[in-house]
Protein backbone atom coordinates (compact mmCIF):
# COMPACT_ATOMS: atom_id res chain seq x y z
CA UNK A 1 -0.22 -21.10 14.13
CA UNK A 2 2.85 -23.38 15.49
CA UNK A 3 6.15 -21.73 15.61
CA UNK A 4 7.28 -24.38 12.89
CA UNK A 5 4.31 -23.96 10.78
CA UNK A 6 4.90 -23.54 7.04
CA UNK A 7 3.95 -20.05 6.27
CA UNK A 8 3.73 -18.43 2.70
CA UNK A 9 3.71 -14.61 2.72
CA UNK A 10 2.59 -13.39 -0.86
CA UNK A 11 4.19 -9.98 -1.73
CA UNK A 12 6.93 -10.12 0.93
CA UNK A 13 8.90 -7.73 -1.15
CA UNK A 14 6.28 -5.08 -0.58
CA UNK A 15 5.77 -2.75 2.39
CA UNK A 16 2.93 -4.86 3.82
CA UNK A 17 4.40 -8.02 3.29
CA UNK A 18 7.76 -7.25 4.40
CA UNK A 19 6.26 -5.91 7.68
CA UNK A 20 4.47 -8.97 8.09
CA UNK A 21 7.66 -11.18 7.64
CA UNK A 22 9.41 -8.82 10.10
CA UNK A 23 6.56 -9.34 12.70
CA UNK A 24 6.51 -13.19 12.14
CA UNK A 25 10.12 -13.37 12.63
CA UNK A 26 9.74 -11.31 15.72
CA UNK A 27 7.53 -13.73 17.21
CA UNK A 28 9.74 -16.68 16.60
CA UNK A 29 7.98 -18.05 13.19
CA UNK A 30 11.03 -19.58 11.25
CA UNK A 31 9.43 -21.71 8.49
CA UNK A 32 8.50 -18.84 6.01
CA UNK A 33 8.15 -19.46 2.38
CA UNK A 34 9.12 -16.19 0.29
CA UNK A 35 9.18 -15.83 -3.32
CA UNK A 36 10.21 -12.90 -5.35
CA UNK A 37 8.05 -11.77 -8.53
CA UNK A 38 11.00 -13.30 -10.55
CA UNK A 39 10.82 -16.55 -8.92
CA UNK A 40 7.14 -16.83 -8.99
CA UNK A 41 4.58 -14.62 -11.02
CA UNK A 42 1.37 -15.00 -9.31
CA UNK A 43 -0.66 -13.77 -12.46
CA UNK A 44 0.43 -16.95 -13.98
CA UNK A 45 -2.01 -19.68 -12.89
CA UNK A 46 0.41 -22.59 -13.51
CA UNK A 47 3.17 -21.12 -11.88
CA UNK A 48 0.82 -20.66 -8.69
CA UNK A 49 -0.51 -24.07 -9.03
CA UNK A 50 2.67 -25.78 -9.11
CA UNK A 51 4.15 -23.93 -6.44
CA UNK A 52 1.37 -24.59 -3.98
CA UNK A 53 1.15 -28.54 -5.00
CA UNK A 54 5.05 -28.61 -4.45
CA UNK A 55 5.25 -26.35 -1.34
CA UNK A 56 2.05 -27.22 0.65
CA UNK A 57 1.88 -23.96 2.78
CA UNK A 58 -0.33 -24.43 6.03
CA UNK A 59 -0.86 -20.88 6.20
CA UNK A 60 -1.20 -17.88 3.73
CA UNK A 61 -0.78 -13.99 4.01
CA UNK A 62 -2.00 -12.65 0.76
CA UNK A 63 -0.24 -9.20 0.75
CA UNK A 64 0.44 -9.25 -2.96
CA UNK A 65 -1.01 -6.71 -4.96
CA UNK A 66 -0.58 -4.15 -7.90
CA UNK A 67 -1.13 -0.81 -6.05
CA UNK A 68 -0.71 2.94 -6.26
CA UNK A 69 -2.28 6.33 -5.71
CA UNK A 70 -4.71 8.40 -7.90
CA UNK A 71 -2.79 9.12 -10.59
CA UNK A 72 -1.66 5.54 -11.12
CA UNK A 73 -5.16 4.23 -10.69
CA UNK A 74 -6.71 6.70 -13.07
CA UNK A 75 -3.95 5.80 -15.68
CA UNK A 76 -4.08 2.09 -15.50
CA UNK A 77 -7.74 1.28 -14.71
CA UNK A 78 -7.60 -2.14 -16.76
CA UNK A 79 -4.33 -3.15 -15.56
CA UNK A 80 -5.23 -2.68 -11.88
CA UNK A 81 -8.53 -4.67 -12.15
CA UNK A 82 -6.96 -7.40 -14.42
CA UNK A 83 -3.70 -7.95 -12.60
CA UNK A 84 -5.04 -7.86 -9.08
CA UNK A 85 -8.05 -10.32 -9.66
CA UNK A 86 -5.78 -12.50 -11.49
CA UNK A 87 -3.16 -12.86 -8.50
CA UNK A 88 -5.81 -12.99 -6.02
CA UNK A 89 -7.77 -15.76 -7.41
CA UNK A 90 -4.77 -17.85 -8.36
CA UNK A 91 -3.22 -17.59 -4.90
CA UNK A 92 -6.89 -18.21 -3.08
CA UNK A 93 -8.04 -20.98 -5.36
CA UNK A 94 -4.56 -22.74 -5.21
CA UNK A 95 -4.42 -22.58 -1.45
CA UNK A 96 -8.09 -24.28 -1.35
CA UNK A 97 -7.07 -26.95 -3.60
CA UNK A 98 -3.99 -27.90 -1.72
CA UNK A 99 -5.56 -28.08 1.79
CA UNK A 100 -4.25 -24.46 3.05
CA UNK A 101 -5.23 -24.59 6.84
CA UNK A 102 -6.02 -20.63 6.98
CA UNK A 103 -5.56 -17.83 4.57
CA UNK A 104 -5.50 -14.03 5.33
CA UNK A 105 -6.81 -11.80 2.27
CA UNK A 106 -5.47 -8.23 2.79
CA UNK A 107 -7.64 -5.53 1.07
CA UNK A 108 -8.22 -1.88 1.43
CA UNK A 109 -10.59 0.59 2.69
CA UNK A 110 -11.19 1.75 -0.90
CA UNK A 111 -13.66 -1.29 -1.06
CA UNK A 112 -16.29 0.87 1.16
CA UNK A 113 -18.92 3.36 -0.76
CA UNK A 114 -17.81 6.60 -1.65
CA UNK A 115 -20.33 8.40 0.60
CA UNK A 116 -20.65 5.94 3.19
CA UNK A 117 -21.61 7.02 6.84
CA UNK A 118 -18.84 7.73 8.98
CA UNK A 119 -16.89 6.06 10.83
CA UNK A 120 -17.12 3.23 8.34
CA UNK A 121 -18.26 -0.32 9.72
CA UNK A 122 -17.54 -3.50 8.07
CA UNK A 123 -21.36 -4.11 7.24
CA UNK A 124 -21.25 -0.89 4.85
CA UNK A 125 -19.72 -3.09 2.17
CA UNK A 126 -21.72 -3.02 -1.02
CA UNK A 127 -24.30 -0.69 0.37
CA UNK A 128 -23.31 2.21 -2.29
CA UNK A 129 -21.34 3.50 -5.21
CA UNK A 130 -17.41 3.53 -5.14
CA UNK A 131 -14.92 6.08 -5.58
CA UNK A 132 -14.38 6.51 -9.39
CA UNK A 133 -10.71 7.41 -8.95
CA UNK A 134 -9.78 3.88 -7.59
CA UNK A 135 -12.95 1.92 -8.75
CA UNK A 136 -11.02 -0.78 -10.53
CA UNK A 137 -8.58 -1.52 -7.75
CA UNK A 138 -11.87 -1.87 -5.40
CA UNK A 139 -13.63 -4.23 -7.39
CA UNK A 140 -10.76 -6.41 -7.49
CA UNK A 141 -10.32 -6.21 -3.93
CA UNK A 142 -14.08 -6.87 -3.25
CA UNK A 143 -13.96 -9.90 -5.65
CA UNK A 144 -11.07 -11.31 -3.29
CA UNK A 145 -12.80 -10.68 -0.01
CA UNK A 146 -15.98 -12.48 -1.41
CA UNK A 147 -13.96 -15.36 -3.05
CA UNK A 148 -12.79 -16.07 0.37
CA UNK A 149 -16.25 -15.79 1.85
CA UNK A 150 -17.91 -17.99 -0.56
CA UNK A 151 -15.13 -20.60 -0.33
CA UNK A 152 -15.84 -20.76 3.54
CA UNK A 153 -19.66 -21.00 2.75
CA UNK A 154 -19.31 -23.99 0.50
CA UNK A 155 -16.39 -25.80 1.44
CA UNK A 156 -15.71 -24.93 5.03
CA UNK A 157 -12.57 -23.31 4.62
CA UNK A 158 -10.98 -20.78 7.32
CA UNK A 159 -10.29 -17.70 5.32
CA UNK A 160 -10.27 -14.33 6.65
CA UNK A 161 -10.13 -10.49 5.26
CA UNK A 162 -8.73 -7.29 6.51
CA UNK A 163 -9.24 -4.16 5.37
CA UNK A 164 -6.43 -1.54 6.37
CA UNK A 165 -6.65 2.27 6.07
CA UNK A 166 -4.18 4.35 4.28
CA UNK A 167 -0.80 2.88 5.22
CA UNK A 168 2.72 4.15 5.50
CA UNK A 169 6.27 3.16 6.84
CA UNK A 170 9.23 1.42 6.08
CA UNK A 171 9.79 0.07 2.27
CA UNK A 172 6.99 2.23 1.27
CA UNK A 173 6.88 3.41 -2.48
CA UNK A 174 8.25 6.73 -3.25
CA UNK A 175 7.65 7.03 -7.06
CA UNK A 176 7.28 10.87 -8.21
CA UNK A 177 4.11 10.06 -9.89
CA UNK A 178 2.53 6.77 -8.92
CA UNK A 179 2.94 6.68 -5.10
CA UNK A 180 0.15 7.24 -2.35
CA UNK A 181 -0.26 10.80 -0.63
CA UNK A 182 2.06 10.09 2.41
CA UNK A 183 5.43 8.89 0.80
CA UNK A 184 4.42 11.51 -2.36
CA UNK A 185 4.55 14.23 0.51
CA UNK A 186 7.65 13.00 2.07
CA UNK A 187 9.39 12.94 -1.08
CA UNK A 188 7.98 16.22 -2.49
CA UNK A 189 8.93 18.17 0.66
CA UNK A 190 12.44 16.47 0.80
CA UNK A 191 13.22 17.33 -2.52
CA UNK A 192 11.81 20.86 -2.23
CA UNK A 193 14.10 21.45 0.80
CA UNK A 194 17.29 20.26 -1.09
CA UNK A 195 16.66 22.19 -3.83
CA UNK A 196 15.41 25.43 -1.72
CA UNK A 197 12.35 25.73 -3.60
CA UNK A 198 10.09 28.56 -2.61
CA UNK A 199 6.89 26.58 -2.81
CA UNK A 200 5.22 23.02 -3.20
CA UNK A 201 2.23 22.00 -5.09
CA UNK A 202 -0.06 19.53 -3.85
CA UNK A 203 -3.09 18.11 -5.46
CA UNK A 204 -6.66 19.09 -4.91
CA UNK A 205 -7.82 21.65 -2.10
CA UNK A 206 -6.41 19.78 1.01
CA UNK A 207 -10.21 19.23 2.47
CA UNK A 208 -10.20 15.41 2.33
CA UNK A 209 -10.12 13.79 5.80
CA UNK A 210 -7.66 10.38 5.77
CA UNK A 211 -6.80 8.11 8.43
CA UNK A 212 -3.43 6.54 8.47
CA UNK A 213 -1.94 3.39 10.18
CA UNK A 214 1.59 2.72 10.48
CA UNK A 215 2.59 -0.65 8.65
CA UNK A 216 4.01 -2.18 11.41
CA UNK A 217 1.13 -1.88 13.62
CA UNK A 218 -0.75 -3.44 10.74
CA UNK A 219 1.18 -6.43 10.75
CA UNK A 220 1.00 -7.03 14.23
CA UNK A 221 -2.82 -7.08 13.75
CA UNK A 222 -2.42 -9.36 10.65
CA UNK A 223 -0.48 -11.86 12.92
CA UNK A 224 -2.90 -11.66 15.80
CA UNK A 225 -5.84 -12.20 13.55
CA UNK A 226 -4.49 -15.19 11.80
CA UNK A 227 -4.30 -16.54 15.42
CA UNK A 228 -7.24 -15.33 17.15
CA UNK A 229 -10.09 -14.75 14.26
CA UNK A 230 -12.29 -16.74 11.97
CA UNK A 231 -15.38 -15.35 10.28
CA UNK A 232 -16.65 -14.22 6.66
CA UNK A 233 -17.00 -10.55 7.66
CA UNK A 234 -13.96 -8.59 7.04
CA UNK A 235 -12.01 -6.81 9.91
CA UNK A 236 -11.11 -2.95 9.61
CA UNK A 237 -7.69 -1.91 10.49
CA UNK A 238 -6.81 1.60 11.52
CA UNK A 239 -6.50 4.35 14.15
CA UNK A 240 -10.25 5.66 14.33
CA UNK A 241 -8.45 9.14 14.13
CA UNK A 242 -8.33 11.25 10.93
CA UNK A 243 -6.74 14.43 9.68
CA UNK A 244 -7.26 16.73 6.46
CA UNK A 245 -4.91 16.44 3.59
CA UNK A 246 -4.05 20.16 4.37
CA UNK A 247 -3.13 19.50 7.92
CA UNK A 248 -1.20 16.46 6.87
CA UNK A 249 1.03 18.39 4.27
CA UNK A 250 1.88 20.93 7.07
CA UNK A 251 2.72 18.22 9.38
CA UNK A 252 4.94 16.39 6.82
CA UNK A 253 6.79 19.60 5.77
CA UNK A 254 7.59 20.47 9.38
CA UNK A 255 8.88 16.87 10.21
CA UNK A 256 10.96 17.09 6.78
CA UNK A 257 11.98 20.45 7.49
CA UNK A 258 10.57 22.34 4.48
CA UNK A 259 9.80 26.19 5.54
CA UNK A 260 8.38 27.13 1.78
CA UNK A 261 5.00 27.91 0.86
CA UNK A 262 2.24 25.00 0.07
CA UNK A 263 0.12 25.61 -2.81
CA UNK A 264 -2.91 23.66 -3.80
CA UNK A 265 -3.89 22.77 -7.31
CA UNK A 266 -7.69 22.65 -7.37
CA UNK A 267 -7.81 21.42 -10.79
CA UNK A 268 -6.52 18.04 -9.70
CA UNK A 269 -9.00 15.51 -7.97
CA UNK A 270 -9.44 15.25 -4.25
CA UNK A 271 -10.66 11.71 -4.04
CA UNK A 272 -13.07 10.33 -1.49
CA UNK A 273 -13.98 13.33 0.97
CA UNK A 274 -13.68 11.49 3.69
CA UNK A 275 -12.69 7.75 4.81
CA UNK A 276 -12.50 7.13 8.56
CA UNK A 277 -12.80 3.25 9.53
CA UNK A 278 -14.91 1.89 12.65
CA UNK A 279 -12.17 -0.21 14.34
CA UNK A 280 -14.28 -1.29 17.43
CA UNK A 281 -14.32 -4.89 16.10
CA UNK A 282 -10.35 -5.33 16.04
CA UNK A 283 -10.57 -3.56 19.29
CA UNK A 284 -13.00 -5.88 20.63
CA UNK A 285 -10.97 -8.87 19.49
CA UNK A 286 -7.87 -7.10 21.69
CA UNK A 287 -5.82 -5.04 19.20
CA UNK A 288 -5.39 -1.59 18.99
CA UNK A 289 -2.74 0.44 17.27
CA UNK A 290 0.59 1.75 18.88
CA UNK A 291 2.26 4.53 16.43
CA UNK A 292 0.88 7.86 16.78
CA UNK A 293 0.85 9.88 13.09
CA UNK A 294 3.67 12.21 14.32
CA UNK A 295 5.94 9.59 15.47
CA UNK A 296 5.08 7.26 12.37
CA UNK A 297 5.96 9.94 9.91
CA UNK A 298 9.19 10.55 11.63
CA UNK A 299 10.00 6.99 11.31
CA UNK A 300 9.11 6.74 7.64
CA UNK A 301 11.27 9.79 6.92
CA UNK A 302 14.39 8.24 8.68
CA UNK A 303 13.60 5.23 6.36
CA UNK A 304 13.18 7.35 3.35
CA UNK A 305 16.51 8.93 4.08
CA UNK A 306 18.32 5.76 4.80
CA UNK A 307 17.13 3.54 2.27
CA UNK A 308 15.31 5.53 -0.69
CA UNK A 309 17.32 8.69 -1.13
CA UNK A 310 20.30 7.14 -2.71
CA UNK A 311 18.20 5.46 -5.38
CA UNK A 312 17.53 8.55 -7.30
């Protein structure tokens, strides 16, 4: 990308999209196309087609998505599949029709089989059954990355896909019921500390293993890959390190300053038992993460206190 290239970041108000915008600006890219949902509804094909025809972006970061944790996914399976497939197909197709030079599709590590061998290599895609708690979202993301691959094969486009592990950081979603595990724990322990609650109840038994990547590190990789990678195979984004949910809860509680008891509700689902990405491909291309988990959680909690706490 040239510094004056016209770059569209779809989903710039979300955690990933806003981090990509910050990284682009940090590196001196100034010609950014940004549209809120109110200005451009990506689920409406006509609006998307008119936008691309009028603006002709040269590069596209597709970070827009309907996202949520286990509860949100289970409650709205059809919505997650329908809305994500609509918006990603509209954007990718319009980018191709209007001569976009390169597009980067942001997916999720939930696309891989539930019982995949660990660590999970990019080649494990579609080699087994998906985790049922987020199957609808995963199917939509698989469709998006496959559409990019098929456009490359049929029309010679240069569309790439990146599959991040669990993300956290500035501008995360701290909804009390529908957030992912990291922001949910931050909010829950903060509110328990404020209320001097004797205990906090967490879902499952705490045994699942998870990998977490600070979103600013992902944004750096996204810009790096746009400039340095082309290919049909997706690229995993993670740290190569994992932690049990139980240990994560204790870590977050300590950083937040909550000293009460942590209880586990085993009637609630655990989700995938383990999900560690093989990130050797990204490392081989010249990238590695920078932010260790403890430091990242401290930064996320500071962001929560500064930007989120006042909202409720």
